[in-house]
Amino acid sequence: MSPREARPPGSAALSWGGAAGLAASILVLASGAAWIKPYFYIPAWWSLLALLAGLNRRGATGEDLPDPGGFAGMALLSVPFWLAYELLNLRLLDWEYHGLPPFLPVRWAGYALAFATVLPAVTEVSAAVDARWPAGVPWARRPWLVSDGAAAASRALGALCLGLCILRPALFFPLAWAPAFLFCEHAVARERPRRSWLAGLAEGSPRRMLSLLVGGLLCGLLWESLNYWSGAKWRYTVPWPAGPKLFEMPWLGYLGFPPFALGCASAWEAHRLWWDDAPPVARAVWVFVLAGLSLLACAAIDARTAIL
């Protein structure tokens, strides 16, 4: 089958529609239309996601990208996934939100639509990086085993990072981006090595890990650039470093995006691993719990993080 025949139907329309939506969002914002400024981030990011998704699928990247149903599931999980960081930020106090709509249903819908882009963004940007990775990059190392002992040590290290963040946030807040992959990735490597960046690294191939690291940095630049031009935005209140800044983020802060991307991939694959084997009742309870925690987290954002 030729690459053209392998392209999923509708991928061209998806990419062209995303490009049109992104261009329209930017042009309307540049025109000075006041109505779009508080909401610019959402249509711009969803349009960019559509553009990337269409290009990735048209290009036959070889990456096992989610179909429309899987993409929707990823977007839904992305909301409580990011809200877990919002709950942690109640202790860290590393960022706050400004210029949010005053009407609660609109504001909470904005939370959901914005946070739903996190996991898809990392997936699509990293897939685009992976598809364009230079062929024949030399890398040779002896394969090693992903052992149960290493998995236990990784979980213990994740718990230590989380505990240090909570106990001394002013000093250890950068460690917040490590626990997700330290907790989850070894299980993925053991059960689904083809989907694991750690298993690939253990086999002597760092390509997926490096694609995620580079993709995470690019996502950070995109997140920060679109946030900078939006009326409703986050601003950082980290204790260090104070600057210089690129957009709203201190330069050194961009070092957090690559490990965050590893955590996104690990959490998504670990969730898929559990979800595929879970009975329907367990799935229903899990959805109910995540929905309830998400509502509580949105209320916590309003109470502590949002400047209304």
C-alpha atoms as a PDB file:
ATOM      1  CA  MET A   1       0.000   0.000   0.000  1.00  0.00           C
ATOM      2  CA  SER A   2       1.390   3.388  -0.943  1.00  0.00           C
ATOM      3  CA  PRO A   3       1.650   6.208   1.631  1.00  0.00           C
ATOM      4  CA  ARG A   4      -1.112   8.058  -0.208  1.00  0.00           C
ATOM      5  CA  GLU A   5      -3.445   5.063   0.044  1.00  0.00           C
ATOM      6  CA  ALA A   6      -2.574   4.638   3.720  1.00  0.00           C
ATOM      7  CA  ARG A   7      -3.677   8.129   4.656  1.00  0.00           C
ATOM      8  CA  PRO A   8      -6.865   8.147   6.731  1.00  0.00           C
ATOM      9  CA  PRO A   9      -9.877   9.722   5.013  1.00  0.00           C
ATOM     10  CA  GLY A  10     -10.511  13.294   6.070  1.00  0.00           C
ATOM     11  CA  SER A  11      -6.940  14.009   7.144  1.00  0.00           C
ATOM     12  CA  ALA A  12      -6.535  16.703   4.475  1.00  0.00           C
ATOM     13  CA  ALA A  13      -9.790  18.381   5.519  1.00  0.00           C
ATOM     14  CA  LEU A  14      -8.675  18.228   9.149  1.00  0.00           C
ATOM     15  CA  SER A  15      -5.340  19.887   8.449  1.00  0.00           C
ATOM     16  CA  TRP A  16      -6.809  22.548   6.159  1.00  0.00           C
ATOM     17  CA  GLY A  17      -9.633  23.237   8.607  1.00  0.00           C
ATOM     18  CA  GLY A  18      -7.140  23.585  11.449  1.00  0.00           C
ATOM     19  CA  ALA A  19      -4.979  25.956   9.418  1.00  0.00           C
ATOM     20  CA  ALA A  20      -8.018  28.057   8.536  1.00  0.00           C
ATOM     21  CA  GLY A  21      -9.191  28.159  12.150  1.00  0.00           C
ATOM     22  CA  LEU A  22      -5.762  29.156  13.420  1.00  0.00           C
ATOM     23  CA  ALA A  23      -5.389  31.869  10.784  1.00  0.00           C
ATOM     24  CA  ALA A  24      -8.882  33.181  11.521  1.00  0.00           C
ATOM     25  CA  SER A  25      -8.206  33.291  15.269  1.00  0.00           C
ATOM     26  CA  ILE A  26      -4.994  35.251  14.762  1.00  0.00           C
ATOM     27  CA  LEU A  27      -6.521  37.637  12.241  1.00  0.00           C
ATOM     28  CA  VAL A  28      -9.551  38.388  14.405  1.00  0.00           C
ATOM     29  CA  LEU A  29      -7.299  38.990  17.398  1.00  0.00           C
ATOM     30  CA  ALA A  30      -5.035  41.252  15.312  1.00  0.00           C
ATOM     31  CA  SER A  31      -8.063  43.209  14.116  1.00  0.00           C
ATOM     32  CA  GLY A  32      -8.611  44.387  17.679  1.00  0.00           C
ATOM     33  CA  ALA A  33     -11.968  42.654  18.180  1.00  0.00           C
ATOM     34  CA  ALA A  34     -12.430  42.774  21.947  1.00  0.00           C
ATOM     35  CA  TRP A  35     -14.755  39.765  22.120  1.00  0.00           C
ATOM     36  CA  ILE A  36     -12.112  37.217  21.134  1.00  0.00           C
ATOM     37  CA  LYS A  37      -9.276  38.331  23.407  1.00  0.00           C
ATOM     38  CA  PRO A  38     -10.427  36.516  26.589  1.00  0.00           C
ATOM     39  CA  TYR A  39     -11.075  33.324  24.596  1.00  0.00           C
ATOM     40  CA  PHE A  40      -8.299  33.434  21.987  1.00  0.00           C
ATOM     41  CA  TYR A  41      -6.260  30.623  23.508  1.00  0.00           C
ATOM     42  CA  ILE A  42      -9.015  28.013  23.092  1.00  0.00           C
ATOM     43  CA  PRO A  43      -9.884  28.321  19.371  1.00  0.00           C
ATOM     44  CA  ALA A  44      -6.214  28.899  18.518  1.00  0.00           C
ATOM     45  CA  TRP A  45      -5.034  25.743  20.317  1.00  0.00           C
ATOM     46  CA  TRP A  46      -7.831  23.508  19.061  1.00  0.00           C
ATOM     47  CA  SER A  47      -7.207  24.742  15.520  1.00  0.00           C
ATOM     48  CA  LEU A  48      -3.488  24.054  15.909  1.00  0.00           C
ATOM     49  CA  LEU A  49      -4.289  20.559  17.201  1.00  0.00           C
ATOM     50  CA  ALA A  50      -6.501  19.884  14.184  1.00  0.00           C
ATOM     51  CA  LEU A  51      -3.737  21.080  11.872  1.00  0.00           C
ATOM     52  CA  LEU A  52      -1.145  18.835  13.527  1.00  0.00           C
ATOM     53  CA  ALA A  53      -3.477  15.841  13.671  1.00  0.00           C
ATOM     54  CA  GLY A  54      -4.259  16.125   9.980  1.00  0.00           C
ATOM     55  CA  LEU A  55      -0.615  16.533   9.003  1.00  0.00           C
ATOM     56  CA  ASN A  56       0.488  13.621  11.185  1.00  0.00           C
ATOM     57  CA  ARG A  57      -2.088  11.280   9.706  1.00  0.00           C
ATOM     58  CA  ARG A  58      -1.490  12.441   6.145  1.00  0.00           C
ATOM     59  CA  GLY A  59       2.208  11.863   6.599  1.00  0.00           C
ATOM     60  CA  ALA A  60       1.767   8.219   7.687  1.00  0.00           C
ATOM     61  CA  THR A  61       4.178   8.807  10.577  1.00  0.00           C
ATOM     62  CA  GLY A  62       4.220   5.214  11.755  1.00  0.00           C
ATOM     63  CA  GLU A  63       3.280   6.450  15.228  1.00  0.00           C
ATOM     64  CA  ASP A  64       0.263   4.676  16.705  1.00  0.00           C
ATOM     65  CA  LEU A  65      -1.823   7.822  16.935  1.00  0.00           C
ATOM     66  CA  PRO A  66      -5.337   7.650  18.409  1.00  0.00           C
ATOM     67  CA  ASP A  67      -8.347   7.428  16.122  1.00  0.00           C
ATOM     68  CA  PRO A  68     -11.171   9.974  16.631  1.00  0.00           C
ATOM     69  CA  GLY A  69     -12.636   7.930  19.488  1.00  0.00           C
ATOM     70  CA  GLY A  70      -9.246   7.537  21.126  1.00  0.00           C
ATOM     71  CA  PHE A  71      -8.489  11.224  20.631  1.00  0.00           C
ATOM     72  CA  ALA A  72     -11.743  12.129  22.396  1.00  0.00           C
ATOM     73  CA  GLY A  73     -10.865   9.820  25.278  1.00  0.00           C
ATOM     74  CA  MET A  74      -7.438  11.387  25.539  1.00  0.00           C
ATOM     75  CA  ALA A  75      -8.954  14.879  25.592  1.00  0.00           C
ATOM     76  CA  LEU A  76     -11.408  13.859  28.327  1.00  0.00           C
ATOM     77  CA  LEU A  77      -8.670  12.317  30.478  1.00  0.00           C
ATOM     78  CA  SER A  78      -6.510  15.389  29.899  1.00  0.00           C
ATOM     79  CA  VAL A  79      -8.866  17.525  32.004  1.00  0.00           C
ATOM     80  CA  PRO A  80      -8.502  15.637  35.324  1.00  0.00           C
ATOM     81  CA  PHE A  81      -4.864  14.906  34.513  1.00  0.00           C
ATOM     82  CA  TRP A  82      -4.010  18.607  34.397  1.00  0.00           C
ATOM     83  CA  LEU A  83      -6.342  19.403  37.289  1.00  0.00           C
ATOM     84  CA  ALA A  84      -4.163  17.155  39.454  1.00  0.00           C
ATOM     85  CA  TYR A  85      -1.387  19.693  38.860  1.00  0.00           C
ATOM     86  CA  GLU A  86      -3.812  22.472  39.723  1.00  0.00           C
ATOM     87  CA  LEU A  87      -4.467  20.793  43.056  1.00  0.00           C
ATOM     88  CA  LEU A  88      -0.728  20.491  43.643  1.00  0.00           C
ATOM     89  CA  ASN A  89      -0.385  24.170  42.757  1.00  0.00           C
ATOM     90  CA  LEU A  90      -2.592  25.009  45.747  1.00  0.00           C
ATOM     91  CA  ARG A  91       0.526  24.177  47.734  1.00  0.00           C
ATOM     92  CA  LEU A  92       3.175  25.279  45.229  1.00  0.00           C
ATOM     93  CA  LEU A  93       1.538  28.607  44.285  1.00  0.00           C
ATOM     94  CA  ASP A  94       3.603  28.696  41.081  1.00  0.00           C
ATOM     95  CA  TRP A  95       1.008  30.221  38.763  1.00  0.00           C
ATOM     96  CA  GLU A  96      -2.262  32.125  38.813  1.00  0.00           C
ATOM     97  CA  TYR A  97      -4.933  33.009  36.259  1.00  0.00           C
ATOM     98  CA  HIS A  98      -5.940  36.515  35.181  1.00  0.00           C
ATOM     99  CA  GLY A  99      -8.649  37.965  32.965  1.00  0.00           C
ATOM    100  CA  LEU A 100     -11.037  35.014  33.253  1.00  0.00           C
ATOM    101  CA  PRO A 101     -14.717  35.395  32.352  1.00  0.00           C
ATOM    102  CA  PRO A 102     -16.794  36.334  35.430  1.00  0.00           C
ATOM    103  CA  PHE A 103     -19.725  34.026  34.572  1.00  0.00           C
ATOM    104  CA  LEU A 104     -18.999  30.683  36.262  1.00  0.00           C
ATOM    105  CA  PRO A 105     -20.404  28.281  33.607  1.00  0.00           C
ATOM    106  CA  VAL A 106     -18.405  30.046  30.889  1.00  0.00           C
ATOM    107  CA  ARG A 107     -15.285  30.085  33.050  1.00  0.00           C
ATOM    108  CA  TRP A 108     -15.504  26.381  33.928  1.00  0.00           C
ATOM    109  CA  ALA A 109     -16.222  25.478  30.313  1.00  0.00           C
ATOM    110  CA  GLY A 110     -13.071  27.405  29.451  1.00  0.00           C
ATOM    111  CA  TYR A 111     -11.111  25.386  32.016  1.00  0.00           C
ATOM    112  CA  ALA A 112     -12.333  22.143  30.474  1.00  0.00           C
ATOM    113  CA  LEU A 113     -11.669  23.173  26.870  1.00  0.00           C
ATOM    114  CA  ALA A 114      -8.209  24.520  27.660  1.00  0.00           C
ATOM    115  CA  PHE A 115      -7.086  21.610  29.847  1.00  0.00           C
ATOM    116  CA  ALA A 116      -8.449  19.070  27.357  1.00  0.00           C
ATOM    117  CA  THR A 117      -5.682  20.081  24.950  1.00  0.00           C
ATOM    118  CA  VAL A 118      -2.756  19.063  27.191  1.00  0.00           C
ATOM    119  CA  LEU A 119      -2.398  15.338  26.462  1.00  0.00           C
ATOM    120  CA  PRO A 120      -3.393  15.656  22.775  1.00  0.00           C
ATOM    121  CA  ALA A 121      -0.902  18.490  22.321  1.00  0.00           C
ATOM    122  CA  VAL A 122       2.010  16.455  23.664  1.00  0.00           C
ATOM    123  CA  THR A 123       0.958  13.452  21.582  1.00  0.00           C
ATOM    124  CA  GLU A 124       0.565  15.301  18.292  1.00  0.00           C
ATOM    125  CA  VAL A 125       3.611  17.551  18.605  1.00  0.00           C
ATOM    126  CA  SER A 126       5.831  14.634  19.652  1.00  0.00           C
ATOM    127  CA  ALA A 127       4.512  12.539  16.752  1.00  0.00           C
ATOM    128  CA  ALA A 128       5.382  15.361  14.360  1.00  0.00           C
ATOM    129  CA  VAL A 129       8.898  15.484  15.830  1.00  0.00           C
ATOM    130  CA  ASP A 130       9.243  11.705  15.609  1.00  0.00           C
ATOM    131  CA  ALA A 131       8.207  11.693  11.936  1.00  0.00           C
ATOM    132  CA  ARG A 132      10.919  14.227  11.126  1.00  0.00           C
ATOM    133  CA  TRP A 133      13.662  12.692  13.239  1.00  0.00           C
ATOM    134  CA  PRO A 134      16.877  12.423  11.211  1.00  0.00           C
ATOM    135  CA  ALA A 135      17.386   8.941   9.841  1.00  0.00           C
ATOM    136  CA  GLY A 136      20.490   7.054  10.803  1.00  0.00           C
ATOM    137  CA  VAL A 137      21.295   9.016  13.965  1.00  0.00           C
ATOM    138  CA  PRO A 138      23.944   6.853  15.609  1.00  0.00           C
ATOM    139  CA  TRP A 139      23.095   5.451  19.003  1.00  0.00           C
ATOM    140  CA  ALA A 140      24.352   2.172  20.352  1.00  0.00           C
ATOM    141  CA  ARG A 141      24.192   0.817  23.829  1.00  0.00           C
ATOM    142  CA  ARG A 142      23.795  -2.562  25.435  1.00  0.00           C
ATOM    143  CA  PRO A 143      20.135  -3.422  26.151  1.00  0.00           C
ATOM    144  CA  TRP A 144      19.117  -3.654  29.811  1.00  0.00           C
ATOM    145  CA  LEU A 145      16.113  -5.086  31.601  1.00  0.00           C
ATOM    146  CA  VAL A 146      13.247  -3.101  33.094  1.00  0.00           C
ATOM    147  CA  SER A 147      13.233  -4.958  36.404  1.00  0.00           C
ATOM    148  CA  ASP A 148      10.748  -5.080  39.286  1.00  0.00           C
ATOM    149  CA  GLY A 149      13.426  -3.629  41.551  1.00  0.00           C
ATOM    150  CA  ALA A 150      13.907  -0.654  39.253  1.00  0.00           C
ATOM    151  CA  ALA A 151      10.132  -0.151  39.129  1.00  0.00           C
ATOM    152  CA  ALA A 152       9.919  -0.100  42.917  1.00  0.00           C
ATOM    153  CA  ALA A 153      12.838   2.334  43.121  1.00  0.00           C
ATOM    154  CA  SER A 154      11.179   4.565  40.517  1.00  0.00           C
ATOM    155  CA  ARG A 155       7.928   4.684  42.479  1.00  0.00           C
ATOM    156  CA  ALA A 156       9.835   5.475  45.669  1.00  0.00           C
ATOM    157  CA  LEU A 157      11.686   8.279  43.893  1.00  0.00           C
ATOM    158  CA  GLY A 158       8.378   9.621  42.576  1.00  0.00           C
ATOM    159  CA  ALA A 159       6.938   9.630  46.091  1.00  0.00           C
ATOM    160  CA  LEU A 160      10.067  11.416  47.350  1.00  0.00           C
ATOM    161  CA  CYS A 161       9.786  14.096  44.638  1.00  0.00           C
ATOM    162  CA  LEU A 162       6.114  14.639  45.450  1.00  0.00           C
ATOM    163  CA  GLY A 163       6.771  14.750  49.178  1.00  0.00           C
ATOM    164  CA  LEU A 164       9.585  17.277  48.808  1.00  0.00           C
ATOM    165  CA  CYS A 165       7.340  19.486  46.644  1.00  0.00           C
ATOM    166  CA  ILE A 166       4.671  19.479  49.313  1.00  0.00           C
ATOM    167  CA  LEU A 167       6.998  19.907  52.291  1.00  0.00           C
ATOM    168  CA  ARG A 168       9.329  22.560  50.823  1.00  0.00           C
ATOM    169  CA  PRO A 169       7.630  23.985  47.714  1.00  0.00           C
ATOM    170  CA  ALA A 170       9.799  27.105  47.527  1.00  0.00           C
ATOM    171  CA  LEU A 171      12.887  24.957  47.112  1.00  0.00           C
ATOM    172  CA  PHE A 172      11.718  21.778  45.386  1.00  0.00           C
ATOM    173  CA  PHE A 173       8.859  22.947  43.119  1.00  0.00           C
ATOM    174  CA  PRO A 174      10.713  21.917  39.895  1.00  0.00           C
ATOM    175  CA  LEU A 175      10.389  18.272  40.996  1.00  0.00           C
ATOM    176  CA  ALA A 176       6.617  18.467  40.403  1.00  0.00           C
ATOM    177  CA  TRP A 177       7.099  17.369  36.783  1.00  0.00           C
ATOM    178  CA  ALA A 178       8.806  14.061  37.640  1.00  0.00           C
ATOM    179  CA  PRO A 179       6.303  11.913  39.626  1.00  0.00           C
ATOM    180  CA  ALA A 180       3.946  11.172  36.707  1.00  0.00           C
ATOM    181  CA  PHE A 181       6.520   9.215  34.721  1.00  0.00           C
ATOM    182  CA  LEU A 182       8.264   7.837  37.806  1.00  0.00           C
ATOM    183  CA  PHE A 183       4.972   6.344  39.016  1.00  0.00           C
ATOM    184  CA  CYS A 184       3.620   5.102  35.682  1.00  0.00           C
ATOM    185  CA  GLU A 185       6.256   4.343  33.086  1.00  0.00           C
ATOM    186  CA  HIS A 186       7.665   1.088  34.452  1.00  0.00           C
ATOM    187  CA  ALA A 187       4.230  -0.538  34.337  1.00  0.00           C
ATOM    188  CA  VAL A 188       3.845   0.506  30.711  1.00  0.00           C
ATOM    189  CA  ALA A 189       7.332  -0.763  29.870  1.00  0.00           C
ATOM    190  CA  ARG A 190       6.553  -4.146  31.400  1.00  0.00           C
ATOM    191  CA  GLU A 191       3.067  -4.655  29.964  1.00  0.00           C
ATOM    192  CA  ARG A 192       3.167  -2.722  26.669  1.00  0.00           C
ATOM    193  CA  PRO A 193       6.788  -2.191  25.684  1.00  0.00           C
ATOM    194  CA  ARG A 194       5.884  -1.083  22.158  1.00  0.00           C
ATOM    195  CA  ARG A 195       4.114   1.936  23.649  1.00  0.00           C
ATOM    196  CA  SER A 196       6.809   2.733  26.220  1.00  0.00           C
ATOM    197  CA  TRP A 197       9.614   5.235  25.786  1.00  0.00           C
ATOM    198  CA  LEU A 198      11.427   3.566  28.684  1.00  0.00           C
ATOM    199  CA  ALA A 199      11.282   0.136  27.017  1.00  0.00           C
ATOM    200  CA  GLY A 200      12.623   1.673  23.823  1.00  0.00           C
ATOM    201  CA  LEU A 201      15.478   3.250  25.763  1.00  0.00           C
ATOM    202  CA  ALA A 202      16.185  -0.083  27.460  1.00  0.00           C
ATOM    203  CA  GLU A 203      16.450  -1.717  24.037  1.00  0.00           C
ATOM    204  CA  GLY A 204      19.027   0.850  22.971  1.00  0.00           C
ATOM    205  CA  SER A 205      16.655   3.089  21.012  1.00  0.00           C
ATOM    206  CA  PRO A 206      16.032   6.521  22.583  1.00  0.00           C
ATOM    207  CA  ARG A 207      14.002   7.834  19.640  1.00  0.00           C
ATOM    208  CA  ARG A 208      10.585   7.903  21.330  1.00  0.00           C
ATOM    209  CA  MET A 209      11.997   9.421  24.505  1.00  0.00           C
ATOM    210  CA  LEU A 210      13.884  12.092  22.587  1.00  0.00           C
ATOM    211  CA  SER A 211      10.820  12.851  20.452  1.00  0.00           C
ATOM    212  CA  LEU A 212       8.828  13.385  23.628  1.00  0.00           C
ATOM    213  CA  LEU A 213      11.513  15.590  25.172  1.00  0.00           C
ATOM    214  CA  VAL A 214      11.791  17.776  22.072  1.00  0.00           C
ATOM    215  CA  GLY A 215       8.014  17.708  21.591  1.00  0.00           C
ATOM    216  CA  GLY A 216       7.524  18.815  25.199  1.00  0.00           C
ATOM    217  CA  LEU A 217       9.811  21.794  24.709  1.00  0.00           C
ATOM    218  CA  LEU A 218       8.001  22.764  21.494  1.00  0.00           C
ATOM    219  CA  CYS A 219       4.646  22.396  23.260  1.00  0.00           C
ATOM    220  CA  GLY A 220       5.912  24.708  25.968  1.00  0.00           C
ATOM    221  CA  LEU A 221       6.837  27.346  23.421  1.00  0.00           C
ATOM    222  CA  LEU A 222       3.428  27.015  21.757  1.00  0.00           C
ATOM    223  CA  TRP A 223       1.521  27.069  25.049  1.00  0.00           C
ATOM    224  CA  GLU A 224       3.385  30.124  26.249  1.00  0.00           C
ATOM    225  CA  SER A 225       3.139  32.023  22.963  1.00  0.00           C
ATOM    226  CA  LEU A 226      -0.629  31.555  22.625  1.00  0.00           C
ATOM    227  CA  ASN A 227      -1.140  32.298  26.307  1.00  0.00           C
ATOM    228  CA  TYR A 228       0.870  35.522  25.965  1.00  0.00           C
ATOM    229  CA  TRP A 229      -1.548  36.960  23.401  1.00  0.00           C
ATOM    230  CA  SER A 230      -4.718  35.835  25.158  1.00  0.00           C
ATOM    231  CA  GLY A 231      -6.701  38.084  27.462  1.00  0.00           C
ATOM    232  CA  ALA A 232      -7.442  35.219  29.862  1.00  0.00           C
ATOM    233  CA  LYS A 233      -4.002  33.888  30.771  1.00  0.00           C
ATOM    234  CA  TRP A 234      -1.790  32.347  33.402  1.00  0.00           C
ATOM    235  CA  ARG A 235       1.096  34.215  34.985  1.00  0.00           C
ATOM    236  CA  TYR A 236       3.931  32.635  36.913  1.00  0.00           C
ATOM    237  CA  THR A 237       4.655  33.362  40.549  1.00  0.00           C
ATOM    238  CA  VAL A 238       7.535  30.888  40.990  1.00  0.00           C
ATOM    239  CA  PRO A 239      10.025  31.876  43.696  1.00  0.00           C
ATOM    240  CA  TRP A 240      12.959  31.413  41.298  1.00  0.00           C
ATOM    241  CA  PRO A 241      14.159  32.234  38.735  1.00  0.00           C
ATOM    242  CA  ALA A 242      12.612  35.672  38.293  1.00  0.00           C
ATOM    243  CA  GLY A 243      13.869  36.241  34.733  1.00  0.00           C
ATOM    244  CA  PRO A 244      14.679  36.921  32.030  1.00  0.00           C
ATOM    245  CA  LYS A 245      11.425  35.781  30.451  1.00  0.00           C
ATOM    246  CA  LEU A 246      10.247  34.472  27.117  1.00  0.00           C
ATOM    247  CA  PHE A 247       6.544  35.316  27.013  1.00  0.00           C
ATOM    248  CA  GLU A 248       5.292  34.821  30.617  1.00  0.00           C
ATOM    249  CA  MET A 249       7.783  32.042  31.427  1.00  0.00           C
ATOM    250  CA  PRO A 250      11.310  32.568  32.824  1.00  0.00           C
ATOM    251  CA  TRP A 251      13.803  30.982  30.452  1.00  0.00           C
ATOM    252  CA  LEU A 252      14.890  28.288  32.876  1.00  0.00           C
ATOM    253  CA  GLY A 253      11.236  27.326  33.364  1.00  0.00           C
ATOM    254  CA  TYR A 254      11.159  25.815  29.880  1.00  0.00           C
ATOM    255  CA  LEU A 255      13.330  22.990  31.228  1.00  0.00           C
ATOM    256  CA  GLY A 256      10.199  21.675  32.940  1.00  0.00           C
ATOM    257  CA  PHE A 257       8.317  20.983  29.713  1.00  0.00           C
ATOM    258  CA  PRO A 258      10.416  18.009  28.468  1.00  0.00           C
ATOM    259  CA  PRO A 259       9.966  15.910  31.644  1.00  0.00           C
ATOM    260  CA  PHE A 260       6.324  16.974  31.747  1.00  0.00           C
ATOM    261  CA  ALA A 261       5.906  15.483  28.260  1.00  0.00           C
ATOM    262  CA  LEU A 262       7.376  12.189  29.487  1.00  0.00           C
ATOM    263  CA  GLY A 263       4.834  12.233  32.305  1.00  0.00           C
ATOM    264  CA  CYS A 264       1.975  12.926  29.904  1.00  0.00           C
ATOM    265  CA  ALA A 265       2.909   9.951  27.735  1.00  0.00           C
ATOM    266  CA  SER A 266       3.390   7.685  30.756  1.00  0.00           C
ATOM    267  CA  ALA A 267       0.105   8.652  32.407  1.00  0.00           C
ATOM    268  CA  TRP A 268      -1.887   8.212  29.192  1.00  0.00           C
ATOM    269  CA  GLU A 269      -0.429   4.798  28.420  1.00  0.00           C
ATOM    270  CA  ALA A 270      -0.833   3.636  32.023  1.00  0.00           C
ATOM    271  CA  HIS A 271      -4.463   4.726  31.925  1.00  0.00           C
ATOM    272  CA  ARG A 272      -5.001   2.849  28.657  1.00  0.00           C
ATOM    273  CA  LEU A 273      -3.398  -0.218  30.173  1.00  0.00           C
ATOM    274  CA  TRP A 274      -5.756  -0.150  33.151  1.00  0.00           C
ATOM    275  CA  TRP A 275      -8.848   0.872  31.162  1.00  0.00           C
ATOM    276  CA  ASP A 276      -8.560  -1.919  28.604  1.00  0.00           C
ATOM    277  CA  ASP A 277      -8.609  -4.604  31.311  1.00  0.00           C
ATOM    278  CA  ALA A 278     -10.986  -2.974  33.788  1.00  0.00           C
ATOM    279  CA  PRO A 279     -14.549  -4.310  34.149  1.00  0.00           C
ATOM    280  CA  PRO A 280     -17.412  -1.952  33.248  1.00  0.00           C
ATOM    281  CA  VAL A 281     -18.295  -1.257  36.882  1.00  0.00           C
ATOM    282  CA  ALA A 282     -14.728  -0.210  37.681  1.00  0.00           C
ATOM    283  CA  ARG A 283     -14.691   2.044  34.625  1.00  0.00           C
ATOM    284  CA  ALA A 284     -17.957   3.701  35.679  1.00  0.00           C
ATOM    285  CA  VAL A 285     -16.667   4.292  39.219  1.00  0.00           C
ATOM    286  CA  TRP A 286     -13.407   5.713  37.850  1.00  0.00           C
ATOM    287  CA  VAL A 287     -15.250   8.149  35.574  1.00  0.00           C
ATOM    288  CA  PHE A 288     -17.495   9.217  38.472  1.00  0.00           C
ATOM    289  CA  VAL A 289     -14.496   9.787  40.761  1.00  0.00           C
ATOM    290  CA  LEU A 290     -12.576  11.769  38.138  1.00  0.00           C
ATOM    291  CA  ALA A 291     -15.637  13.910  37.387  1.00  0.00           C
ATOM    292  CA  GLY A 292     -16.178  14.669  41.059  1.00  0.00           C
ATOM    293  CA  LEU A 293     -12.526  15.509  41.663  1.00  0.00           C
ATOM    294  CA  SER A 294     -12.517  17.706  38.562  1.00  0.00           C
ATOM    295  CA  LEU A 295     -15.440  19.760  39.856  1.00  0.00           C
ATOM    296  CA  LEU A 296     -13.731  20.180  43.221  1.00  0.00           C
ATOM    297  CA  ALA A 297     -10.504  21.201  41.489  1.00  0.00           C
ATOM    298  CA  CYS A 298     -12.300  23.831  39.386  1.00  0.00           C
ATOM    299  CA  ALA A 299     -13.816  25.253  42.562  1.00  0.00           C
ATOM    300  CA  ALA A 300     -10.342  25.289  44.138  1.00  0.00           C
ATOM    301  CA  ILE A 301      -8.939  27.187  41.140  1.00  0.00           C
ATOM    302  CA  ASP A 302     -11.659  29.817  41.570  1.00  0.00           C
ATOM    303  CA  ALA A 303     -10.955  30.083  45.288  1.00  0.00           C
ATOM    304  CA  ARG A 304      -7.146  30.149  45.279  1.00  0.00           C
ATOM    305  CA  THR A 305      -5.575  30.451  41.832  1.00  0.00           C
ATOM    306  CA  ALA A 306      -7.865  32.627  39.732  1.00  0.00           C
ATOM    307  CA  ILE A 307      -7.723  36.404  40.156  1.00  0.00           C
ATOM    308  CA  LEU A 308     -11.362  37.280  39.454  1.00  0.00           C
END
